[in-house]
Amino acid sequence: MARFQAEFDRRGFGWWAVEVRESGEFIGFTGLDEVDEGLPFTGVEVGWRLARSAWGHGYATEAALAGLDFGFGTLALPEIVAVTTATNLRSQAVMRRIGMTHDPADDFDDPSAPEGPLRRNVLYRIRP
């Protein structure tokens, strides 16, 4: 958490905690991050990581939309991207629900991932 806060202070954006509004239960995090070096594209990425028990409740979609709103409304970013493995169909569905588009020509093999099903990644994009 200290690293997340330091990055947020330095850049003006980063990761936020996600809590269930009714209970205050911490279920993961969402936000914006700079694309890792070594990938075949640059920019700012919206992302989310939620506990499995939080899947299927719309939290990822709500959180991702908040990230887009902050990125476009507050930071005036020209584009936001999202990346996931080609096998992560649930995250790809969230990306489509929030209005992102996918061009298969942008798909890539993650150079930091070992050979196997997690190496192939898909790239989604959205502009304001």
N, C-alpha and C. Protein backbone atom coordinates (compact mmCIF):
# COMPACT_ATOMS: atom_id res chain seq x y z
N MET A 1 0.82 -1.19 0.00
CA MET A 1 0.00 0.00 0.00
C MET A 1 0.87 1.26 0.00
N ALA A 2 1.99 1.20 0.70
CA ALA A 2 2.88 2.38 0.73
C ALA A 2 3.42 2.68 -0.66
N ARG A 3 3.75 1.63 -1.43
CA ARG A 3 4.25 1.83 -2.80
C ARG A 3 3.15 2.42 -3.67
N PHE A 4 1.92 1.93 -3.54
CA PHE A 4 0.80 2.50 -4.30
C PHE A 4 0.63 3.98 -3.98
N GLN A 5 0.69 4.33 -2.69
CA GLN A 5 0.51 5.72 -2.28
C GLN A 5 1.63 6.60 -2.81
N ALA A 6 2.87 6.11 -2.76
CA ALA A 6 4.00 6.89 -3.26
C ALA A 6 3.88 7.14 -4.76
N GLU A 7 3.47 6.14 -5.52
CA GLU A 7 3.28 6.33 -6.96
C GLU A 7 2.14 7.31 -7.24
N PHE A 8 1.07 7.21 -6.47
CA PHE A 8 -0.05 8.13 -6.64
C PHE A 8 0.40 9.57 -6.37
N ASP A 9 1.15 9.75 -5.32
CA ASP A 9 1.65 11.09 -4.97
C ASP A 9 2.56 11.64 -6.06
N ARG A 10 3.40 10.80 -6.64
CA ARG A 10 4.35 11.23 -7.66
C ARG A 10 3.68 11.55 -8.99
N ARG A 11 2.74 10.71 -9.43
CA ARG A 11 2.16 10.85 -10.77
C ARG A 11 0.80 11.54 -10.80
N GLY A 12 0.09 11.50 -9.68
CA GLY A 12 -1.27 12.03 -9.66
C GLY A 12 -2.31 10.98 -10.01
N PHE A 13 -1.89 9.75 -10.18
CA PHE A 13 -2.82 8.64 -10.40
C PHE A 13 -2.15 7.34 -9.96
N GLY A 14 -2.97 6.33 -9.82
CA GLY A 14 -2.46 5.03 -9.37
C GLY A 14 -3.61 4.11 -9.03
N TRP A 15 -3.42 3.35 -7.94
CA TRP A 15 -4.40 2.32 -7.55
C TRP A 15 -5.23 2.77 -6.36
N TRP A 16 -6.52 2.44 -6.42
CA TRP A 16 -7.46 2.72 -5.33
C TRP A 16 -7.97 1.40 -4.75
N ALA A 17 -8.28 1.42 -3.48
CA ALA A 17 -8.93 0.26 -2.85
C ALA A 17 -10.37 0.19 -3.34
N VAL A 18 -10.88 -1.02 -3.49
CA VAL A 18 -12.29 -1.24 -3.83
C VAL A 18 -12.94 -1.90 -2.63
N GLU A 19 -14.03 -1.28 -2.18
CA GLU A 19 -14.78 -1.80 -1.05
C GLU A 19 -16.24 -1.96 -1.44
N VAL A 20 -16.91 -2.90 -0.81
CA VAL A 20 -18.35 -3.04 -0.98
C VAL A 20 -19.01 -1.90 -0.21
N ARG A 21 -19.79 -1.10 -0.89
CA ARG A 21 -20.38 0.10 -0.29
C ARG A 21 -21.18 -0.21 0.98
N GLU A 22 -21.99 -1.26 0.94
CA GLU A 22 -22.88 -1.58 2.07
C GLU A 22 -22.13 -2.06 3.31
N SER A 23 -21.03 -2.77 3.13
CA SER A 23 -20.36 -3.38 4.27
C SER A 23 -18.99 -2.80 4.58
N GLY A 24 -18.38 -2.12 3.59
CA GLY A 24 -17.02 -1.64 3.76
C GLY A 24 -15.96 -2.71 3.57
N GLU A 25 -16.38 -3.91 3.17
CA GLU A 25 -15.43 -5.01 2.96
C GLU A 25 -14.47 -4.67 1.81
N PHE A 26 -13.17 -4.83 2.06
CA PHE A 26 -12.16 -4.64 1.03
C PHE A 26 -12.18 -5.84 0.11
N ILE A 27 -12.36 -5.60 -1.21
CA ILE A 27 -12.45 -6.72 -2.16
C ILE A 27 -11.39 -6.66 -3.25
N GLY A 28 -10.53 -5.64 -3.25
CA GLY A 28 -9.48 -5.58 -4.25
C GLY A 28 -9.06 -4.16 -4.54
N PHE A 29 -8.54 -3.96 -5.75
CA PHE A 29 -8.12 -2.62 -6.12
C PHE A 29 -8.35 -2.38 -7.60
N THR A 30 -8.38 -1.11 -7.97
CA THR A 30 -8.58 -0.67 -9.34
C THR A 30 -7.82 0.63 -9.53
N GLY A 31 -7.68 1.05 -10.76
CA GLY A 31 -7.06 2.34 -11.00
C GLY A 31 -6.33 2.40 -12.32
N LEU A 32 -5.41 3.34 -12.39
CA LEU A 32 -4.65 3.61 -13.59
C LEU A 32 -3.17 3.41 -13.31
N ASP A 33 -2.45 2.91 -14.31
CA ASP A 33 -1.02 2.69 -14.16
C ASP A 33 -0.35 2.92 -15.50
N GLU A 34 0.91 3.29 -15.48
CA GLU A 34 1.67 3.41 -16.71
C GLU A 34 1.93 2.02 -17.27
N VAL A 35 1.87 1.89 -18.58
CA VAL A 35 2.16 0.61 -19.23
C VAL A 35 3.61 0.22 -18.94
N ASP A 36 3.81 -1.03 -18.62
CA ASP A 36 5.16 -1.53 -18.32
C ASP A 36 6.09 -1.35 -19.51
N GLU A 37 7.35 -1.07 -19.21
CA GLU A 37 8.37 -0.99 -20.26
C GLU A 37 8.52 -2.35 -20.92
N GLY A 38 8.92 -2.35 -22.17
CA GLY A 38 9.16 -3.59 -22.89
C GLY A 38 7.96 -4.13 -23.63
N LEU A 39 6.81 -3.49 -23.48
CA LEU A 39 5.62 -3.92 -24.22
C LEU A 39 5.57 -3.16 -25.54
N PRO A 40 4.84 -3.69 -26.52
CA PRO A 40 4.83 -3.07 -27.85
C PRO A 40 3.92 -1.85 -27.98
N PHE A 41 3.61 -1.20 -26.88
CA PHE A 41 2.77 0.00 -26.88
C PHE A 41 3.08 0.77 -25.61
N THR A 42 2.68 2.02 -25.55
CA THR A 42 2.88 2.85 -24.36
C THR A 42 1.54 3.45 -23.97
N GLY A 43 1.52 4.13 -22.83
CA GLY A 43 0.31 4.82 -22.42
C GLY A 43 -0.04 4.54 -20.97
N VAL A 44 -1.31 4.76 -20.68
CA VAL A 44 -1.85 4.54 -19.34
C VAL A 44 -2.91 3.45 -19.43
N GLU A 45 -2.84 2.52 -18.50
CA GLU A 45 -3.71 1.35 -18.49
C GLU A 45 -4.70 1.43 -17.32
N VAL A 46 -5.95 1.08 -17.57
CA VAL A 46 -6.92 0.89 -16.50
C VAL A 46 -6.89 -0.58 -16.13
N GLY A 47 -6.98 -0.86 -14.84
CA GLY A 47 -6.93 -2.25 -14.41
C GLY A 47 -7.72 -2.48 -13.14
N TRP A 48 -7.90 -3.73 -12.81
CA TRP A 48 -8.63 -4.13 -11.60
C TRP A 48 -8.18 -5.51 -11.20
N ARG A 49 -8.17 -5.74 -9.91
CA ARG A 49 -7.92 -7.06 -9.33
C ARG A 49 -8.89 -7.21 -8.17
N LEU A 50 -9.76 -8.17 -8.28
CA LEU A 50 -10.78 -8.37 -7.25
C LEU A 50 -10.71 -9.79 -6.70
N ALA A 51 -11.08 -9.93 -5.44
CA ALA A 51 -11.18 -11.25 -4.83
C ALA A 51 -12.21 -12.07 -5.60
N ARG A 52 -11.96 -13.34 -5.72
CA ARG A 52 -12.88 -14.22 -6.47
C ARG A 52 -14.31 -14.11 -5.95
N SER A 53 -14.48 -13.92 -4.65
CA SER A 53 -15.84 -13.80 -4.10
C SER A 53 -16.56 -12.55 -4.61
N ALA A 54 -15.83 -11.60 -5.17
CA ALA A 54 -16.44 -10.36 -5.67
C ALA A 54 -16.77 -10.44 -7.17
N TRP A 55 -16.37 -11.51 -7.82
CA TRP A 55 -16.64 -11.65 -9.25
C TRP A 55 -18.14 -11.81 -9.51
N GLY A 56 -18.59 -11.27 -10.62
CA GLY A 56 -19.98 -11.47 -11.05
C GLY A 56 -20.99 -10.54 -10.41
N HIS A 57 -20.52 -9.51 -9.71
CA HIS A 57 -21.43 -8.57 -9.04
C HIS A 57 -21.42 -7.19 -9.68
N GLY A 58 -20.66 -7.00 -10.74
CA GLY A 58 -20.58 -5.70 -11.40
C GLY A 58 -19.55 -4.76 -10.81
N TYR A 59 -18.80 -5.22 -9.81
CA TYR A 59 -17.82 -4.34 -9.18
C TYR A 59 -16.69 -3.96 -10.13
N ALA A 60 -16.22 -4.89 -10.94
CA ALA A 60 -15.12 -4.59 -11.87
C ALA A 60 -15.56 -3.54 -12.88
N THR A 61 -16.76 -3.68 -13.40
CA THR A 61 -17.27 -2.71 -14.37
C THR A 61 -17.40 -1.33 -13.73
N GLU A 62 -17.99 -1.27 -12.54
CA GLU A 62 -18.14 0.00 -11.84
C GLU A 62 -16.79 0.63 -11.54
N ALA A 63 -15.85 -0.17 -11.09
CA ALA A 63 -14.52 0.33 -10.75
C ALA A 63 -13.78 0.82 -12.00
N ALA A 64 -13.86 0.06 -13.08
CA ALA A 64 -13.19 0.44 -14.33
C ALA A 64 -13.77 1.73 -14.87
N LEU A 65 -15.08 1.90 -14.80
CA LEU A 65 -15.70 3.15 -15.25
C LEU A 65 -15.22 4.34 -14.43
N ALA A 66 -15.03 4.14 -13.13
CA ALA A 66 -14.49 5.22 -12.29
C ALA A 66 -13.07 5.57 -12.72
N GLY A 67 -12.28 4.56 -13.07
CA GLY A 67 -10.93 4.80 -13.57
C GLY A 67 -10.93 5.58 -14.87
N LEU A 68 -11.82 5.21 -15.79
CA LEU A 68 -11.93 5.94 -17.06
C LEU A 68 -12.37 7.38 -16.82
N ASP A 69 -13.33 7.57 -15.93
CA ASP A 69 -13.82 8.92 -15.63
C ASP A 69 -12.69 9.79 -15.09
N PHE A 70 -11.90 9.24 -14.20
CA PHE A 70 -10.77 9.99 -13.64
C PHE A 70 -9.72 10.27 -14.72
N GLY A 71 -9.41 9.25 -15.51
CA GLY A 71 -8.39 9.40 -16.54
C GLY A 71 -8.76 10.43 -17.60
N PHE A 72 -9.99 10.40 -18.05
CA PHE A 72 -10.41 11.35 -19.09
C PHE A 72 -10.84 12.68 -18.50
N GLY A 73 -11.60 12.65 -17.40
CA GLY A 73 -12.14 13.89 -16.83
C GLY A 73 -11.15 14.71 -16.05
N THR A 74 -10.32 14.08 -15.24
CA THR A 74 -9.37 14.79 -14.38
C THR A 74 -8.00 14.92 -15.02
N LEU A 75 -7.51 13.82 -15.61
CA LEU A 75 -6.16 13.82 -16.17
C LEU A 75 -6.13 14.23 -17.63
N ALA A 76 -7.28 14.29 -18.29
CA ALA A 76 -7.38 14.65 -19.71
C ALA A 76 -6.50 13.76 -20.59
N LEU A 77 -6.48 12.46 -20.30
CA LEU A 77 -5.70 11.53 -21.11
C LEU A 77 -6.31 11.41 -22.50
N PRO A 78 -5.49 11.25 -23.54
CA PRO A 78 -6.03 11.10 -24.90
C PRO A 78 -6.52 9.69 -25.19
N GLU A 79 -6.05 8.70 -24.41
CA GLU A 79 -6.42 7.31 -24.62
C GLU A 79 -6.09 6.54 -23.35
N ILE A 80 -6.87 5.50 -23.10
CA ILE A 80 -6.60 4.56 -22.01
C ILE A 80 -6.67 3.17 -22.60
N VAL A 81 -5.75 2.31 -22.18
CA VAL A 81 -5.71 0.93 -22.67
C VAL A 81 -5.99 -0.03 -21.52
N ALA A 82 -6.26 -1.27 -21.88
CA ALA A 82 -6.40 -2.36 -20.92
C ALA A 82 -5.83 -3.61 -21.55
N VAL A 83 -5.20 -4.42 -20.74
CA VAL A 83 -4.53 -5.64 -21.21
C VAL A 83 -4.94 -6.80 -20.33
N THR A 84 -5.13 -7.95 -20.95
CA THR A 84 -5.33 -9.18 -20.20
C THR A 84 -4.88 -10.34 -21.06
N THR A 85 -4.78 -11.50 -20.45
CA THR A 85 -4.42 -12.68 -21.23
C THR A 85 -5.56 -13.02 -22.18
N ALA A 86 -5.21 -13.68 -23.27
CA ALA A 86 -6.21 -14.06 -24.27
C ALA A 86 -7.25 -15.02 -23.68
N THR A 87 -6.89 -15.71 -22.60
CA THR A 87 -7.81 -16.67 -21.99
C THR A 87 -8.72 -16.05 -20.93
N ASN A 88 -8.49 -14.80 -20.55
CA ASN A 88 -9.28 -14.16 -19.50
C ASN A 88 -10.53 -13.51 -20.11
N LEU A 89 -11.51 -14.33 -20.39
CA LEU A 89 -12.72 -13.87 -21.05
C LEU A 89 -13.57 -12.95 -20.17
N ARG A 90 -13.51 -13.14 -18.86
CA ARG A 90 -14.29 -12.29 -17.96
C ARG A 90 -13.79 -10.84 -18.01
N SER A 91 -12.47 -10.65 -17.96
CA SER A 91 -11.94 -9.28 -18.05
C SER A 91 -12.20 -8.68 -19.42
N GLN A 92 -12.10 -9.49 -20.46
CA GLN A 92 -12.41 -8.97 -21.79
C GLN A 92 -13.86 -8.51 -21.88
N ALA A 93 -14.76 -9.22 -21.22
CA ALA A 93 -16.17 -8.81 -21.20
C ALA A 93 -16.33 -7.46 -20.50
N VAL A 94 -15.60 -7.26 -19.41
CA VAL A 94 -15.64 -5.96 -18.72
C VAL A 94 -15.14 -4.87 -19.66
N MET A 95 -14.05 -5.14 -20.36
CA MET A 95 -13.48 -4.15 -21.28
C MET A 95 -14.51 -3.75 -22.35
N ARG A 96 -15.24 -4.71 -22.87
CA ARG A 96 -16.27 -4.38 -23.86
C ARG A 96 -17.42 -3.61 -23.22
N ARG A 97 -17.82 -4.00 -22.00
CA ARG A 97 -18.93 -3.31 -21.32
C ARG A 97 -18.62 -1.84 -21.06
N ILE A 98 -17.35 -1.50 -20.83
CA ILE A 98 -17.01 -0.11 -20.54
C ILE A 98 -16.69 0.67 -21.82
N GLY A 99 -16.92 0.03 -22.98
CA GLY A 99 -16.80 0.74 -24.24
C GLY A 99 -15.47 0.62 -24.95
N MET A 100 -14.60 -0.24 -24.46
CA MET A 100 -13.29 -0.39 -25.10
C MET A 100 -13.43 -1.25 -26.36
N THR A 101 -12.50 -1.06 -27.28
CA THR A 101 -12.49 -1.83 -28.52
C THR A 101 -11.19 -2.61 -28.65
N HIS A 102 -11.28 -3.67 -29.41
CA HIS A 102 -10.16 -4.61 -29.57
C HIS A 102 -9.84 -4.78 -31.04
N ASP A 103 -8.58 -4.64 -31.41
CA ASP A 103 -8.10 -4.94 -32.75
C ASP A 103 -7.12 -6.10 -32.62
N PRO A 104 -7.44 -7.27 -33.17
CA PRO A 104 -6.54 -8.42 -33.02
C PRO A 104 -5.11 -8.15 -33.49
N ALA A 105 -4.93 -7.16 -34.36
CA ALA A 105 -3.57 -6.83 -34.82
C ALA A 105 -2.71 -6.29 -33.67
N ASP A 106 -3.34 -5.82 -32.58
CA ASP A 106 -2.61 -5.29 -31.43
C ASP A 106 -2.23 -6.36 -30.41
N ASP A 107 -2.74 -7.58 -30.56
CA ASP A 107 -2.45 -8.64 -29.60
C ASP A 107 -0.95 -8.96 -29.63
N PHE A 108 -0.43 -9.44 -28.52
CA PHE A 108 1.01 -9.62 -28.39
C PHE A 108 1.34 -10.71 -27.38
N ASP A 109 2.55 -11.19 -27.45
CA ASP A 109 3.07 -12.12 -26.46
C ASP A 109 3.80 -11.31 -25.39
N ASP A 110 3.41 -11.51 -24.13
CA ASP A 110 4.04 -10.80 -23.02
C ASP A 110 5.46 -11.34 -22.83
N PRO A 111 6.47 -10.48 -23.03
CA PRO A 111 7.85 -10.98 -22.92
C PRO A 111 8.23 -11.41 -21.51
N SER A 112 7.48 -11.00 -20.50
CA SER A 112 7.81 -11.39 -19.12
C SER A 112 7.11 -12.68 -18.69
N ALA A 113 6.21 -13.19 -19.52
CA ALA A 113 5.47 -14.41 -19.18
C ALA A 113 6.15 -15.63 -19.80
N PRO A 114 6.16 -16.74 -19.07
CA PRO A 114 6.75 -17.96 -19.64
C PRO A 114 5.87 -18.51 -20.77
N GLU A 115 6.45 -19.36 -21.58
CA GLU A 115 5.67 -20.03 -22.61
C GLU A 115 4.47 -20.71 -21.96
N GLY A 116 3.33 -20.63 -22.60
CA GLY A 116 2.13 -21.26 -22.07
C GLY A 116 0.92 -20.38 -22.28
N PRO A 117 -0.19 -20.74 -21.66
CA PRO A 117 -1.47 -20.07 -21.93
C PRO A 117 -1.55 -18.62 -21.44
N LEU A 118 -0.64 -18.19 -20.57
CA LEU A 118 -0.70 -16.82 -20.05
C LEU A 118 0.20 -15.86 -20.84
N ARG A 119 0.90 -16.37 -21.83
CA ARG A 119 1.82 -15.52 -22.59
C ARG A 119 1.10 -14.62 -23.59
N ARG A 120 0.08 -15.14 -24.29
CA ARG A 120 -0.63 -14.36 -25.31
C ARG A 120 -1.56 -13.37 -24.61
N ASN A 121 -1.48 -12.10 -25.00
CA ASN A 121 -2.29 -11.04 -24.40
C ASN A 121 -3.08 -10.30 -25.45
N VAL A 122 -4.19 -9.73 -25.03
CA VAL A 122 -5.02 -8.90 -25.89
C VAL A 122 -4.98 -7.47 -25.36
N LEU A 123 -5.08 -6.52 -26.28
CA LEU A 123 -5.04 -5.10 -25.96
C LEU A 123 -6.36 -4.47 -26.37
N TYR A 124 -6.97 -3.76 -25.43
CA TYR A 124 -8.20 -3.00 -25.71
C TYR A 124 -7.87 -1.52 -25.54
N ARG A 125 -8.60 -0.67 -26.26
CA ARG A 125 -8.36 0.77 -26.22
C ARG A 125 -9.68 1.53 -26.12
N ILE A 126 -9.58 2.75 -25.58
CA ILE A 126 -10.73 3.65 -25.57
C ILE A 126 -10.20 5.08 -25.59
N ARG A 127 -10.92 5.94 -26.29
CA ARG A 127 -10.63 7.37 -26.32
C ARG A 127 -11.85 8.11 -25.83
N PRO A 128 -11.66 9.33 -25.31
CA PRO A 128 -12.84 10.05 -24.79
C PRO A 128 -13.86 10.36 -25.86
